[in-house]
């Protein structure tokens, strides 16, 4: 690990007043060897892992969740016909949204229920968005759904094996992550960074690169764990979204807003979103640590997940959710120092 007593200056506020928030943390998900320290900025509350892992790539196993893709087994002509009908329904619902037309609930319910891309883009993207860049796209599930809607899509990913899977699905995907965007002339109406920013060694540099790739009127949709949420406060080092050592940073609304401002982005909306699986795993970790219980790794009963979902429904409106989804636009009044 890098030899340094404390982290360098905070990228959000510029101060260098750090204190150790959690010491000797271990990887509870993929068993990466070693112990890791999590520091907290004394000025803005930003968390960061320090020292950094010696080999960051070794922290991501081949079966990392976003790299997986299970191809659907080929069906008969009825399955193919049904699939085409569903794709038509998705495209029609998205085009109606873009045109400002309201369709019956029974028609849009399937797109909303089955397509994450449709849910996110109708909720957060400009109505007339036509192009999408998904940063950290994994094996390409999201951009595959967005392509069905009729959008021009592209993904970037650091895992070469995941890129190969995405390309095998006929998707435009580049290896190397954000480095491949530096100096590009291509512009996108939507740039999506869902649970990516906390993985970057330099999140400010990454955001500046993103700003340089946004089209006029485009938005960045950024999802990160919320270190100021109720579950983070309750579970502390047992909070599942800590994901040490893959997550190098921990954000809350204030310091995330400061970081976005430094990058040249204006926050338009902040939404809290909790996932029942994260709440369940956090509570399992808490019981294992505090009560000495050894809980099964099997999927929890539906009733337990339903209870965790209800917890999320309560804490999200109170702005104490597990995750933040931020919609930000390129500031029209400042020149961004894009790389």
C-alpha atoms as a PDB file:
ATOM      1  CA  UNK A   1       0.000   0.000   0.000  1.00  0.00           C
ATOM      2  CA  UNK A   2       1.017   3.618  -0.506  1.00  0.00           C
ATOM      3  CA  UNK A   3       3.088   4.826   2.437  1.00  0.00           C
ATOM      4  CA  UNK A   4       1.497   8.021   3.785  1.00  0.00           C
ATOM      5  CA  UNK A   5       0.188   8.850   7.260  1.00  0.00           C
ATOM      6  CA  UNK A   6      -2.946  10.656   6.099  1.00  0.00           C
ATOM      7  CA  UNK A   7      -4.714  11.366   2.789  1.00  0.00           C
ATOM      8  CA  UNK A   8      -3.890  14.361   0.587  1.00  0.00           C
ATOM      9  CA  UNK A   9      -6.209  17.341   0.316  1.00  0.00           C
ATOM     10  CA  UNK A  10      -9.930  16.705   0.068  1.00  0.00           C
ATOM     11  CA  UNK A  11     -11.088  17.035  -3.565  1.00  0.00           C
ATOM     12  CA  UNK A  12     -14.469  18.432  -2.479  1.00  0.00           C
ATOM     13  CA  UNK A  13     -13.473  21.235  -0.090  1.00  0.00           C
ATOM     14  CA  UNK A  14      -9.673  21.449  -0.402  1.00  0.00           C
ATOM     15  CA  UNK A  15      -8.955  20.955   3.302  1.00  0.00           C
ATOM     16  CA  UNK A  16      -6.471  18.439   4.657  1.00  0.00           C
ATOM     17  CA  UNK A  17      -7.995  17.835   8.113  1.00  0.00           C
ATOM     18  CA  UNK A  18      -8.590  14.081   8.181  1.00  0.00           C
ATOM     19  CA  UNK A  19      -9.401  11.685  10.995  1.00  0.00           C
ATOM     20  CA  UNK A  20      -9.787   7.906  10.942  1.00  0.00           C
ATOM     21  CA  UNK A  21     -13.477   7.002  10.857  1.00  0.00           C
ATOM     22  CA  UNK A  22     -13.042   3.189  10.756  1.00  0.00           C
ATOM     23  CA  UNK A  23      -9.792   1.292  11.146  1.00  0.00           C
ATOM     24  CA  UNK A  24      -8.894  -2.243  10.105  1.00  0.00           C
ATOM     25  CA  UNK A  25     -11.898  -2.877   7.849  1.00  0.00           C
ATOM     26  CA  UNK A  26     -12.042  -6.135   5.903  1.00  0.00           C
ATOM     27  CA  UNK A  27     -13.770  -7.090   2.664  1.00  0.00           C
ATOM     28  CA  UNK A  28     -17.014  -8.808   3.679  1.00  0.00           C
ATOM     29  CA  UNK A  29     -18.226  -9.514   0.134  1.00  0.00           C
ATOM     30  CA  UNK A  30     -15.353 -10.925  -1.932  1.00  0.00           C
ATOM     31  CA  UNK A  31     -12.753 -11.616   0.797  1.00  0.00           C
ATOM     32  CA  UNK A  32      -9.996  -9.487  -0.700  1.00  0.00           C
ATOM     33  CA  UNK A  33      -7.100  -9.979   1.750  1.00  0.00           C
ATOM     34  CA  UNK A  34      -5.873  -7.151   3.958  1.00  0.00           C
ATOM     35  CA  UNK A  35      -7.176  -4.528   6.360  1.00  0.00           C
ATOM     36  CA  UNK A  36      -8.179  -1.044   5.258  1.00  0.00           C
ATOM     37  CA  UNK A  37      -8.698   2.319   6.941  1.00  0.00           C
ATOM     38  CA  UNK A  38     -11.525   4.722   6.134  1.00  0.00           C
ATOM     39  CA  UNK A  39     -10.857   8.417   6.792  1.00  0.00           C
ATOM     40  CA  UNK A  40     -13.282  11.325   7.171  1.00  0.00           C
ATOM     41  CA  UNK A  41     -12.670  14.932   6.127  1.00  0.00           C
ATOM     42  CA  UNK A  42     -13.043  17.189   9.173  1.00  0.00           C
ATOM     43  CA  UNK A  43     -14.451  20.019   7.056  1.00  0.00           C
ATOM     44  CA  UNK A  44     -17.024  18.525   4.639  1.00  0.00           C
ATOM     45  CA  UNK A  45     -17.430  14.941   5.928  1.00  0.00           C
ATOM     46  CA  UNK A  46     -16.194  13.188   2.768  1.00  0.00           C
ATOM     47  CA  UNK A  47     -15.008   9.631   3.389  1.00  0.00           C
ATOM     48  CA  UNK A  48     -12.049   8.100   1.613  1.00  0.00           C
ATOM     49  CA  UNK A  49     -10.101   4.853   1.761  1.00  0.00           C
ATOM     50  CA  UNK A  50      -6.423   5.394   2.541  1.00  0.00           C
ATOM     51  CA  UNK A  51      -3.911   4.007   1.771  1.00  0.00           C
ATOM     52  CA  UNK A  52      -5.224   2.699  -1.531  1.00  0.00           C
ATOM     53  CA  UNK A  53      -5.002  -1.006  -2.435  1.00  0.00           C
ATOM     54  CA  UNK A  54      -1.703  -1.893  -4.100  1.00  0.00           C
ATOM     55  CA  UNK A  55      -3.499  -3.659  -6.968  1.00  0.00           C
ATOM     56  CA  UNK A  56      -7.004  -2.184  -7.440  1.00  0.00           C
ATOM     57  CA  UNK A  57      -7.839  -4.661 -10.235  1.00  0.00           C
ATOM     58  CA  UNK A  58      -7.445  -7.569  -7.806  1.00  0.00           C
ATOM     59  CA  UNK A  59     -10.369  -6.214  -5.772  1.00  0.00           C
ATOM     60  CA  UNK A  60     -12.785  -7.064  -8.604  1.00  0.00           C
ATOM     61  CA  UNK A  61     -13.308 -10.809  -9.164  1.00  0.00           C
ATOM     62  CA  UNK A  62     -14.419 -12.142 -12.519  1.00  0.00           C
ATOM     63  CA  UNK A  63     -17.889 -12.823 -11.086  1.00  0.00           C
ATOM     64  CA  UNK A  64     -18.354  -9.225  -9.880  1.00  0.00           C
ATOM     65  CA  UNK A  65     -22.084  -8.543 -10.102  1.00  0.00           C
ATOM     66  CA  UNK A  66     -22.004  -5.952 -12.893  1.00  0.00           C
ATOM     67  CA  UNK A  67     -19.822  -8.201 -15.079  1.00  0.00           C
ATOM     68  CA  UNK A  68     -22.317 -11.062 -15.137  1.00  0.00           C
ATOM     69  CA  UNK A  69     -24.661 -11.769 -18.004  1.00  0.00           C
ATOM     70  CA  UNK A  70     -26.851 -14.822 -18.391  1.00  0.00           C
ATOM     71  CA  UNK A  71     -28.071 -15.181 -21.982  1.00  0.00           C
ATOM     72  CA  UNK A  72     -31.692 -16.139 -22.360  1.00  0.00           C
ATOM     73  CA  UNK A  73     -32.330 -19.584 -23.729  1.00  0.00           C
ATOM     74  CA  UNK A  74     -33.735 -19.428 -27.276  1.00  0.00           C
ATOM     75  CA  UNK A  75     -37.479 -19.971 -27.423  1.00  0.00           C
ATOM     76  CA  UNK A  76     -39.931 -20.817 -30.156  1.00  0.00           C
ATOM     77  CA  UNK A  77     -41.784 -18.558 -32.521  1.00  0.00           C
ATOM     78  CA  UNK A  78     -44.287 -17.569 -29.823  1.00  0.00           C
ATOM     79  CA  UNK A  79     -41.461 -16.362 -27.567  1.00  0.00           C
ATOM     80  CA  UNK A  80     -39.875 -14.429 -30.436  1.00  0.00           C
ATOM     81  CA  UNK A  81     -43.200 -12.812 -31.336  1.00  0.00           C
ATOM     82  CA  UNK A  82     -43.844 -11.875 -27.721  1.00  0.00           C
ATOM     83  CA  UNK A  83     -40.352 -10.374 -27.434  1.00  0.00           C
ATOM     84  CA  UNK A  84     -40.872  -8.217 -30.501  1.00  0.00           C
ATOM     85  CA  UNK A  85     -44.202  -7.031 -29.168  1.00  0.00           C
ATOM     86  CA  UNK A  86     -42.613  -6.057 -25.840  1.00  0.00           C
ATOM     87  CA  UNK A  87     -39.834  -4.171 -27.643  1.00  0.00           C
ATOM     88  CA  UNK A  88     -42.415  -2.298 -29.690  1.00  0.00           C
ATOM     89  CA  UNK A  89     -44.262  -1.440 -26.490  1.00  0.00           C
ATOM     90  CA  UNK A  90     -41.076  -0.100 -24.878  1.00  0.00           C
ATOM     91  CA  UNK A  91     -40.185   2.037 -27.899  1.00  0.00           C
ATOM     92  CA  UNK A  92     -43.722   3.373 -28.213  1.00  0.00           C
ATOM     93  CA  UNK A  93     -43.870   4.281 -24.515  1.00  0.00           C
ATOM     94  CA  UNK A  94     -40.500   6.064 -24.709  1.00  0.00           C
ATOM     95  CA  UNK A  95     -41.447   7.985 -27.874  1.00  0.00           C
ATOM     96  CA  UNK A  96     -44.689   9.079 -26.290  1.00  0.00           C
ATOM     97  CA  UNK A  97     -42.772  10.302 -23.246  1.00  0.00           C
ATOM     98  CA  UNK A  98     -40.360  12.220 -25.496  1.00  0.00           C
ATOM     99  CA  UNK A  99     -43.281  13.831 -27.334  1.00  0.00           C
ATOM    100  CA  UNK A 100     -45.062  14.753 -24.108  1.00  0.00           C
ATOM    101  CA  UNK A 101     -48.008  12.434 -24.791  1.00  0.00           C
ATOM    102  CA  UNK A 102     -49.620  10.608 -21.886  1.00  0.00           C
ATOM    103  CA  UNK A 103     -50.426   6.951 -22.508  1.00  0.00           C
ATOM    104  CA  UNK A 104     -52.781   4.772 -20.434  1.00  0.00           C
ATOM    105  CA  UNK A 105     -51.276   3.254 -17.300  1.00  0.00           C
ATOM    106  CA  UNK A 106     -51.995  -0.274 -18.500  1.00  0.00           C
ATOM    107  CA  UNK A 107     -49.757   0.380 -21.536  1.00  0.00           C
ATOM    108  CA  UNK A 108     -46.792   1.890 -19.663  1.00  0.00           C
ATOM    109  CA  UNK A 109     -46.916  -0.473 -16.671  1.00  0.00           C
ATOM    110  CA  UNK A 110     -44.891  -3.223 -18.353  1.00  0.00           C
ATOM    111  CA  UNK A 111     -42.097  -0.844 -19.515  1.00  0.00           C
ATOM    112  CA  UNK A 112     -41.916   0.674 -16.039  1.00  0.00           C
ATOM    113  CA  UNK A 113     -41.896  -2.725 -14.318  1.00  0.00           C
ATOM    114  CA  UNK A 114     -39.491  -4.607 -16.587  1.00  0.00           C
ATOM    115  CA  UNK A 115     -37.066  -2.015 -17.965  1.00  0.00           C
ATOM    116  CA  UNK A 116     -34.655  -0.243 -15.634  1.00  0.00           C
ATOM    117  CA  UNK A 117     -33.594   1.986 -18.509  1.00  0.00           C
ATOM    118  CA  UNK A 118     -37.182   3.109 -19.130  1.00  0.00           C
ATOM    119  CA  UNK A 119     -37.720   3.836 -15.402  1.00  0.00           C
ATOM    120  CA  UNK A 120     -34.526   5.829 -14.976  1.00  0.00           C
ATOM    121  CA  UNK A 121     -34.648   7.759 -18.223  1.00  0.00           C
ATOM    122  CA  UNK A 122     -38.294   8.788 -17.954  1.00  0.00           C
ATOM    123  CA  UNK A 123     -37.604   9.875 -14.374  1.00  0.00           C
ATOM    124  CA  UNK A 124     -34.293  11.718 -14.746  1.00  0.00           C
ATOM    125  CA  UNK A 125     -33.347  12.329 -18.405  1.00  0.00           C
ATOM    126  CA  UNK A 126     -34.416  15.187 -20.699  1.00  0.00           C
ATOM    127  CA  UNK A 127     -37.557  14.209 -22.565  1.00  0.00           C
ATOM    128  CA  UNK A 128     -35.916  14.484 -25.994  1.00  0.00           C
ATOM    129  CA  UNK A 129     -32.681  12.688 -25.063  1.00  0.00           C
ATOM    130  CA  UNK A 130     -31.380  10.618 -27.977  1.00  0.00           C
ATOM    131  CA  UNK A 131     -27.877   9.511 -26.945  1.00  0.00           C
ATOM    132  CA  UNK A 132     -26.567   7.797 -23.822  1.00  0.00           C
ATOM    133  CA  UNK A 133     -23.150   6.994 -22.399  1.00  0.00           C
ATOM    134  CA  UNK A 134     -23.080   4.487 -19.542  1.00  0.00           C
ATOM    135  CA  UNK A 135     -19.836   4.755 -17.557  1.00  0.00           C
ATOM    136  CA  UNK A 136     -19.005   1.478 -15.856  1.00  0.00           C
ATOM    137  CA  UNK A 137     -21.522  -0.357 -18.022  1.00  0.00           C
ATOM    138  CA  UNK A 138     -20.392  -3.847 -16.975  1.00  0.00           C
ATOM    139  CA  UNK A 139     -21.645  -6.440 -19.444  1.00  0.00           C
ATOM    140  CA  UNK A 140     -24.042  -3.894 -20.975  1.00  0.00           C
ATOM    141  CA  UNK A 141     -27.459  -4.683 -19.490  1.00  0.00           C
ATOM    142  CA  UNK A 142     -28.516  -1.037 -19.158  1.00  0.00           C
ATOM    143  CA  UNK A 143     -27.359   0.115 -22.594  1.00  0.00           C
ATOM    144  CA  UNK A 144     -28.995  -2.954 -24.144  1.00  0.00           C
ATOM    145  CA  UNK A 145     -32.316  -1.835 -22.638  1.00  0.00           C
ATOM    146  CA  UNK A 146     -31.746   1.782 -23.680  1.00  0.00           C
ATOM    147  CA  UNK A 147     -31.026   0.652 -27.242  1.00  0.00           C
ATOM    148  CA  UNK A 148     -34.403  -1.089 -27.319  1.00  0.00           C
ATOM    149  CA  UNK A 149     -35.968   2.295 -26.509  1.00  0.00           C
ATOM    150  CA  UNK A 150     -34.368   3.658 -29.680  1.00  0.00           C
ATOM    151  CA  UNK A 151     -31.458   5.568 -28.138  1.00  0.00           C
ATOM    152  CA  UNK A 152     -27.940   5.748 -29.555  1.00  0.00           C
ATOM    153  CA  UNK A 153     -25.883   4.079 -26.827  1.00  0.00           C
ATOM    154  CA  UNK A 154     -22.272   3.578 -25.848  1.00  0.00           C
ATOM    155  CA  UNK A 155     -20.600   2.100 -22.792  1.00  0.00           C
ATOM    156  CA  UNK A 156     -17.166   2.338 -21.197  1.00  0.00           C
ATOM    157  CA  UNK A 157     -15.823  -0.228 -18.749  1.00  0.00           C
ATOM    158  CA  UNK A 158     -12.475  -1.104 -17.152  1.00  0.00           C
ATOM    159  CA  UNK A 159     -13.042  -4.870 -17.174  1.00  0.00           C
ATOM    160  CA  UNK A 160     -11.878  -6.280 -20.493  1.00  0.00           C
ATOM    161  CA  UNK A 161     -13.852  -9.501 -19.972  1.00  0.00           C
ATOM    162  CA  UNK A 162     -17.055  -7.491 -19.389  1.00  0.00           C
ATOM    163  CA  UNK A 163     -16.329  -5.429 -22.516  1.00  0.00           C
ATOM    164  CA  UNK A 164     -15.997  -8.627 -24.537  1.00  0.00           C
ATOM    165  CA  UNK A 165     -19.388  -9.805 -23.264  1.00  0.00           C
ATOM    166  CA  UNK A 166     -20.995  -6.459 -24.136  1.00  0.00           C
ATOM    167  CA  UNK A 167     -19.479  -6.459 -27.616  1.00  0.00           C
ATOM    168  CA  UNK A 168     -20.655 -10.028 -28.089  1.00  0.00           C
ATOM    169  CA  UNK A 169     -24.184  -8.706 -27.568  1.00  0.00           C
ATOM    170  CA  UNK A 170     -23.652  -6.241 -30.434  1.00  0.00           C
ATOM    171  CA  UNK A 171     -23.174  -3.240 -28.130  1.00  0.00           C
ATOM    172  CA  UNK A 172     -20.757  -0.350 -28.589  1.00  0.00           C
ATOM    173  CA  UNK A 173     -18.443  -0.624 -25.595  1.00  0.00           C
ATOM    174  CA  UNK A 174     -14.889   0.625 -24.994  1.00  0.00           C
ATOM    175  CA  UNK A 175     -12.302  -0.728 -22.560  1.00  0.00           C
ATOM    176  CA  UNK A 176     -10.196   1.537 -20.365  1.00  0.00           C
ATOM    177  CA  UNK A 177     -12.971   3.400 -18.564  1.00  0.00           C
ATOM    178  CA  UNK A 178     -13.089   7.186 -18.603  1.00  0.00           C
ATOM    179  CA  UNK A 179      -9.580   7.481 -20.010  1.00  0.00           C
ATOM    180  CA  UNK A 180     -10.995   6.644 -23.425  1.00  0.00           C
ATOM    181  CA  UNK A 181     -13.187   9.765 -23.360  1.00  0.00           C
ATOM    182  CA  UNK A 182     -10.357  12.256 -22.958  1.00  0.00           C
ATOM    183  CA  UNK A 183     -10.188  14.459 -26.046  1.00  0.00           C
ATOM    184  CA  UNK A 184     -13.168  12.856 -27.765  1.00  0.00           C
ATOM    185  CA  UNK A 185     -15.455  15.052 -29.845  1.00  0.00           C
ATOM    186  CA  UNK A 186     -18.515  12.858 -29.274  1.00  0.00           C
ATOM    187  CA  UNK A 187     -21.247  14.380 -27.097  1.00  0.00           C
ATOM    188  CA  UNK A 188     -24.090  12.692 -25.218  1.00  0.00           C
ATOM    189  CA  UNK A 189     -27.503  13.852 -24.010  1.00  0.00           C
ATOM    190  CA  UNK A 190     -27.269  11.567 -20.967  1.00  0.00           C
ATOM    191  CA  UNK A 191     -24.171  10.315 -19.166  1.00  0.00           C
ATOM    192  CA  UNK A 192     -24.888   7.742 -16.516  1.00  0.00           C
ATOM    193  CA  UNK A 193     -22.554   6.965 -13.596  1.00  0.00           C
ATOM    194  CA  UNK A 194     -24.460   4.559 -11.388  1.00  0.00           C
ATOM    195  CA  UNK A 195     -22.272   3.412  -8.507  1.00  0.00           C
ATOM    196  CA  UNK A 196     -19.119   4.373 -10.356  1.00  0.00           C
ATOM    197  CA  UNK A 197     -17.920   7.632  -8.769  1.00  0.00           C
ATOM    198  CA  UNK A 198     -17.049   5.949  -5.467  1.00  0.00           C
ATOM    199  CA  UNK A 199     -14.746   3.545  -7.347  1.00  0.00           C
ATOM    200  CA  UNK A 200     -12.618   6.233  -9.049  1.00  0.00           C
ATOM    201  CA  UNK A 201      -9.198   7.073  -7.696  1.00  0.00           C
ATOM    202  CA  UNK A 202      -9.763  10.727  -8.693  1.00  0.00           C
ATOM    203  CA  UNK A 203     -13.519  11.470  -8.807  1.00  0.00           C
ATOM    204  CA  UNK A 204     -13.004  15.166  -9.600  1.00  0.00           C
ATOM    205  CA  UNK A 205     -10.958  14.383 -12.693  1.00  0.00           C
ATOM    206  CA  UNK A 206     -13.587  11.828 -13.722  1.00  0.00           C
ATOM    207  CA  UNK A 207     -16.397  14.350 -13.394  1.00  0.00           C
ATOM    208  CA  UNK A 208     -14.495  16.932 -15.422  1.00  0.00           C
ATOM    209  CA  UNK A 209     -14.067  14.380 -18.180  1.00  0.00           C
ATOM    210  CA  UNK A 210     -17.806  13.708 -18.055  1.00  0.00           C
ATOM    211  CA  UNK A 211     -18.627  17.412 -18.328  1.00  0.00           C
ATOM    212  CA  UNK A 212     -16.528  17.650 -21.477  1.00  0.00           C
ATOM    213  CA  UNK A 213     -18.589  14.876 -23.089  1.00  0.00           C
ATOM    214  CA  UNK A 214     -22.043  16.343 -22.320  1.00  0.00           C
ATOM    215  CA  UNK A 215     -24.070  17.850 -25.127  1.00  0.00           C
ATOM    216  CA  UNK A 216     -25.745  21.259 -24.623  1.00  0.00           C
ATOM    217  CA  UNK A 217     -28.713  20.686 -22.314  1.00  0.00           C
ATOM    218  CA  UNK A 218     -27.486  17.186 -21.451  1.00  0.00           C
ATOM    219  CA  UNK A 219     -27.459  15.749 -17.948  1.00  0.00           C
ATOM    220  CA  UNK A 220     -25.265  13.526 -15.835  1.00  0.00           C
ATOM    221  CA  UNK A 221     -27.169  10.998 -13.730  1.00  0.00           C
ATOM    222  CA  UNK A 222     -24.988  10.009 -10.805  1.00  0.00           C
ATOM    223  CA  UNK A 223     -25.815   7.332  -8.234  1.00  0.00           C
ATOM    224  CA  UNK A 224     -23.702   6.843  -5.081  1.00  0.00           C
ATOM    225  CA  UNK A 225     -24.153   5.341  -1.597  1.00  0.00           C
ATOM    226  CA  UNK A 226     -25.264   7.930   0.958  1.00  0.00           C
ATOM    227  CA  UNK A 227     -22.998   8.008   4.029  1.00  0.00           C
ATOM    228  CA  UNK A 228     -25.468  10.340   5.760  1.00  0.00           C
ATOM    229  CA  UNK A 229     -28.382   7.899   5.475  1.00  0.00           C
ATOM    230  CA  UNK A 230     -30.123   6.173   8.358  1.00  0.00           C
ATOM    231  CA  UNK A 231     -28.670   2.716   7.656  1.00  0.00           C
ATOM    232  CA  UNK A 232     -25.142   4.134   7.395  1.00  0.00           C
ATOM    233  CA  UNK A 233     -25.550   5.839  10.760  1.00  0.00           C
ATOM    234  CA  UNK A 234     -27.137   2.802  12.398  1.00  0.00           C
ATOM    235  CA  UNK A 235     -24.849   0.086  11.035  1.00  0.00           C
ATOM    236  CA  UNK A 236     -21.586   2.065  10.866  1.00  0.00           C
ATOM    237  CA  UNK A 237     -18.765  -0.271   9.762  1.00  0.00           C
ATOM    238  CA  UNK A 238     -21.359  -3.017   9.156  1.00  0.00           C
ATOM    239  CA  UNK A 239     -23.133  -0.954   6.496  1.00  0.00           C
ATOM    240  CA  UNK A 240     -23.190  -3.147   3.373  1.00  0.00           C
ATOM    241  CA  UNK A 241     -22.678  -0.345   0.772  1.00  0.00           C
ATOM    242  CA  UNK A 242     -19.276   0.458   2.296  1.00  0.00           C
ATOM    243  CA  UNK A 243     -17.950  -2.294  -0.006  1.00  0.00           C
ATOM    244  CA  UNK A 244     -14.356  -1.927   1.177  1.00  0.00           C
ATOM    245  CA  UNK A 245     -11.895  -1.947  -0.654  1.00  0.00           C
ATOM    246  CA  UNK A 246     -13.709  -1.379  -3.981  1.00  0.00           C
ATOM    247  CA  UNK A 247     -15.367   1.826  -2.781  1.00  0.00           C
ATOM    248  CA  UNK A 248     -12.646   4.444  -2.344  1.00  0.00           C
ATOM    249  CA  UNK A 249     -14.991   7.298  -1.381  1.00  0.00           C
ATOM    250  CA  UNK A 250     -18.126   7.926   0.651  1.00  0.00           C
ATOM    251  CA  UNK A 251     -20.438  10.808  -0.239  1.00  0.00           C
ATOM    252  CA  UNK A 252     -23.320  12.689   1.336  1.00  0.00           C
ATOM    253  CA  UNK A 253     -25.421  15.425  -0.326  1.00  0.00           C
ATOM    254  CA  UNK A 254     -23.292  18.348   0.874  1.00  0.00           C
ATOM    255  CA  UNK A 255     -19.834  17.145  -0.144  1.00  0.00           C
ATOM    256  CA  UNK A 256     -21.120  15.558  -3.345  1.00  0.00           C
ATOM    257  CA  UNK A 257     -22.627  18.914  -4.299  1.00  0.00           C
ATOM    258  CA  UNK A 258     -19.297  20.597  -3.572  1.00  0.00           C
ATOM    259  CA  UNK A 259     -17.449  18.097  -5.760  1.00  0.00           C
ATOM    260  CA  UNK A 260     -19.911  18.549  -8.625  1.00  0.00           C
ATOM    261  CA  UNK A 261     -19.558  22.316  -8.353  1.00  0.00           C
ATOM    262  CA  UNK A 262     -15.768  21.994  -8.566  1.00  0.00           C
ATOM    263  CA  UNK A 263     -16.214  19.973 -11.758  1.00  0.00           C
ATOM    264  CA  UNK A 264     -18.517  22.536 -13.385  1.00  0.00           C
ATOM    265  CA  UNK A 265     -21.858  20.799 -12.822  1.00  0.00           C
ATOM    266  CA  UNK A 266     -25.027  22.365 -11.398  1.00  0.00           C
ATOM    267  CA  UNK A 267     -27.233  20.052  -9.344  1.00  0.00           C
ATOM    268  CA  UNK A 268     -30.832  20.071 -10.571  1.00  0.00           C
ATOM    269  CA  UNK A 269     -32.278  17.299  -8.451  1.00  0.00           C
ATOM    270  CA  UNK A 270     -31.336  14.911  -5.629  1.00  0.00           C
ATOM    271  CA  UNK A 271     -33.361  11.759  -5.084  1.00  0.00           C
ATOM    272  CA  UNK A 272     -32.968   9.188  -2.282  1.00  0.00           C
ATOM    273  CA  UNK A 273     -33.224   5.518  -3.241  1.00  0.00           C
ATOM    274  CA  UNK A 274     -32.880   2.466  -0.997  1.00  0.00           C
ATOM    275  CA  UNK A 275     -32.654  -1.153  -2.122  1.00  0.00           C
ATOM    276  CA  UNK A 276     -34.108  -3.876   0.040  1.00  0.00           C
ATOM    277  CA  UNK A 277     -31.145  -6.172  -0.631  1.00  0.00           C
ATOM    278  CA  UNK A 278     -28.700  -3.578   0.757  1.00  0.00           C
ATOM    279  CA  UNK A 279     -30.840  -3.019   3.830  1.00  0.00           C
ATOM    280  CA  UNK A 280     -31.073  -6.765   4.397  1.00  0.00           C
ATOM    281  CA  UNK A 281     -27.313  -7.311   4.071  1.00  0.00           C
ATOM    282  CA  UNK A 282     -26.572  -4.358   6.352  1.00  0.00           C
ATOM    283  CA  UNK A 283     -28.856  -5.748   9.044  1.00  0.00           C
ATOM    284  CA  UNK A 284     -27.292  -9.207   8.624  1.00  0.00           C
ATOM    285  CA  UNK A 285     -23.819  -7.719   9.084  1.00  0.00           C
ATOM    286  CA  UNK A 286     -25.023  -5.834  12.138  1.00  0.00           C
ATOM    287  CA  UNK A 287     -26.480  -8.967  13.755  1.00  0.00           C
ATOM    288  CA  UNK A 288     -23.361 -10.985  12.980  1.00  0.00           C
ATOM    289  CA  UNK A 289     -21.106  -8.379  14.579  1.00  0.00           C
ATOM    290  CA  UNK A 290     -23.195  -7.295  17.563  1.00  0.00           C
ATOM    291  CA  UNK A 291     -25.043 -10.528  18.394  1.00  0.00           C
ATOM    292  CA  UNK A 292     -22.534 -13.096  17.142  1.00  0.00           C
ATOM    293  CA  UNK A 293     -25.073 -14.697  14.820  1.00  0.00           C
ATOM    294  CA  UNK A 294     -24.028 -16.587  11.698  1.00  0.00           C
ATOM    295  CA  UNK A 295     -26.695 -16.028   9.089  1.00  0.00           C
ATOM    296  CA  UNK A 296     -27.311 -18.035   5.957  1.00  0.00           C
ATOM    297  CA  UNK A 297     -25.957 -16.701   2.652  1.00  0.00           C
ATOM    298  CA  UNK A 298     -29.060 -18.005   0.887  1.00  0.00           C
ATOM    299  CA  UNK A 299     -31.618 -15.598  -0.510  1.00  0.00           C
ATOM    300  CA  UNK A 300     -33.838 -14.258   2.289  1.00  0.00           C
ATOM    301  CA  UNK A 301     -37.545 -15.086   2.510  1.00  0.00           C
ATOM    302  CA  UNK A 302     -39.767 -12.766   0.504  1.00  0.00           C
ATOM    303  CA  UNK A 303     -41.414 -11.570   3.689  1.00  0.00           C
ATOM    304  CA  UNK A 304     -38.083 -10.341   5.059  1.00  0.00           C
ATOM    305  CA  UNK A 305     -37.255  -8.543   1.818  1.00  0.00           C
ATOM    306  CA  UNK A 306     -40.717  -7.009   1.833  1.00  0.00           C
ATOM    307  CA  UNK A 307     -40.058  -5.664   5.334  1.00  0.00           C
ATOM    308  CA  UNK A 308     -36.718  -4.213   4.173  1.00  0.00           C
ATOM    309  CA  UNK A 309     -38.480  -2.605   1.205  1.00  0.00           C
ATOM    310  CA  UNK A 310     -40.923  -0.938   3.603  1.00  0.00           C
ATOM    311  CA  UNK A 311     -37.998   0.457   5.578  1.00  0.00           C
ATOM    312  CA  UNK A 312     -36.738   1.980   2.336  1.00  0.00           C
ATOM    313  CA  UNK A 313     -40.148   3.484   1.600  1.00  0.00           C
ATOM    314  CA  UNK A 314     -40.018   5.235   4.986  1.00  0.00           C
ATOM    315  CA  UNK A 315     -36.467   6.543   4.942  1.00  0.00           C
ATOM    316  CA  UNK A 316     -36.328   7.728   1.322  1.00  0.00           C
ATOM    317  CA  UNK A 317     -38.985  10.468   1.658  1.00  0.00           C
ATOM    318  CA  UNK A 318     -37.253  11.539   4.879  1.00  0.00           C
ATOM    319  CA  UNK A 319     -34.044  12.053   2.834  1.00  0.00           C
ATOM    320  CA  UNK A 320     -32.230   9.384   4.820  1.00  0.00           C
ATOM    321  CA  UNK A 321     -31.998   6.746   2.101  1.00  0.00           C
ATOM    322  CA  UNK A 322     -29.120   4.376   1.410  1.00  0.00           C
ATOM    323  CA  UNK A 323     -28.274   5.879  -1.991  1.00  0.00           C
ATOM    324  CA  UNK A 324     -28.334   9.256  -3.689  1.00  0.00           C
ATOM    325  CA  UNK A 325     -29.327   9.810  -7.303  1.00  0.00           C
ATOM    326  CA  UNK A 326     -28.210  13.228  -8.490  1.00  0.00           C
ATOM    327  CA  UNK A 327     -29.204  14.852 -11.783  1.00  0.00           C
ATOM    328  CA  UNK A 328     -26.740  17.562 -12.790  1.00  0.00           C
ATOM    329  CA  UNK A 329     -26.248  19.811 -15.808  1.00  0.00           C
ATOM    330  CA  UNK A 330     -23.144  21.461 -17.180  1.00  0.00           C
ATOM    331  CA  UNK A 331     -22.959  24.929 -15.716  1.00  0.00           C
ATOM    332  CA  UNK A 332     -23.683  27.521 -18.440  1.00  0.00           C
ATOM    333  CA  UNK A 333     -21.798  30.282 -16.615  1.00  0.00           C
ATOM    334  CA  UNK A 334     -18.418  28.618 -16.137  1.00  0.00           C
ATOM    335  CA  UNK A 335     -15.773  27.066 -18.338  1.00  0.00           C
ATOM    336  CA  UNK A 336     -15.014  23.552 -17.165  1.00  0.00           C
ATOM    337  CA  UNK A 337     -11.418  22.390 -16.986  1.00  0.00           C
ATOM    338  CA  UNK A 338     -12.274  19.217 -18.859  1.00  0.00           C
ATOM    339  CA  UNK A 339      -9.433  16.868 -19.637  1.00  0.00           C
END
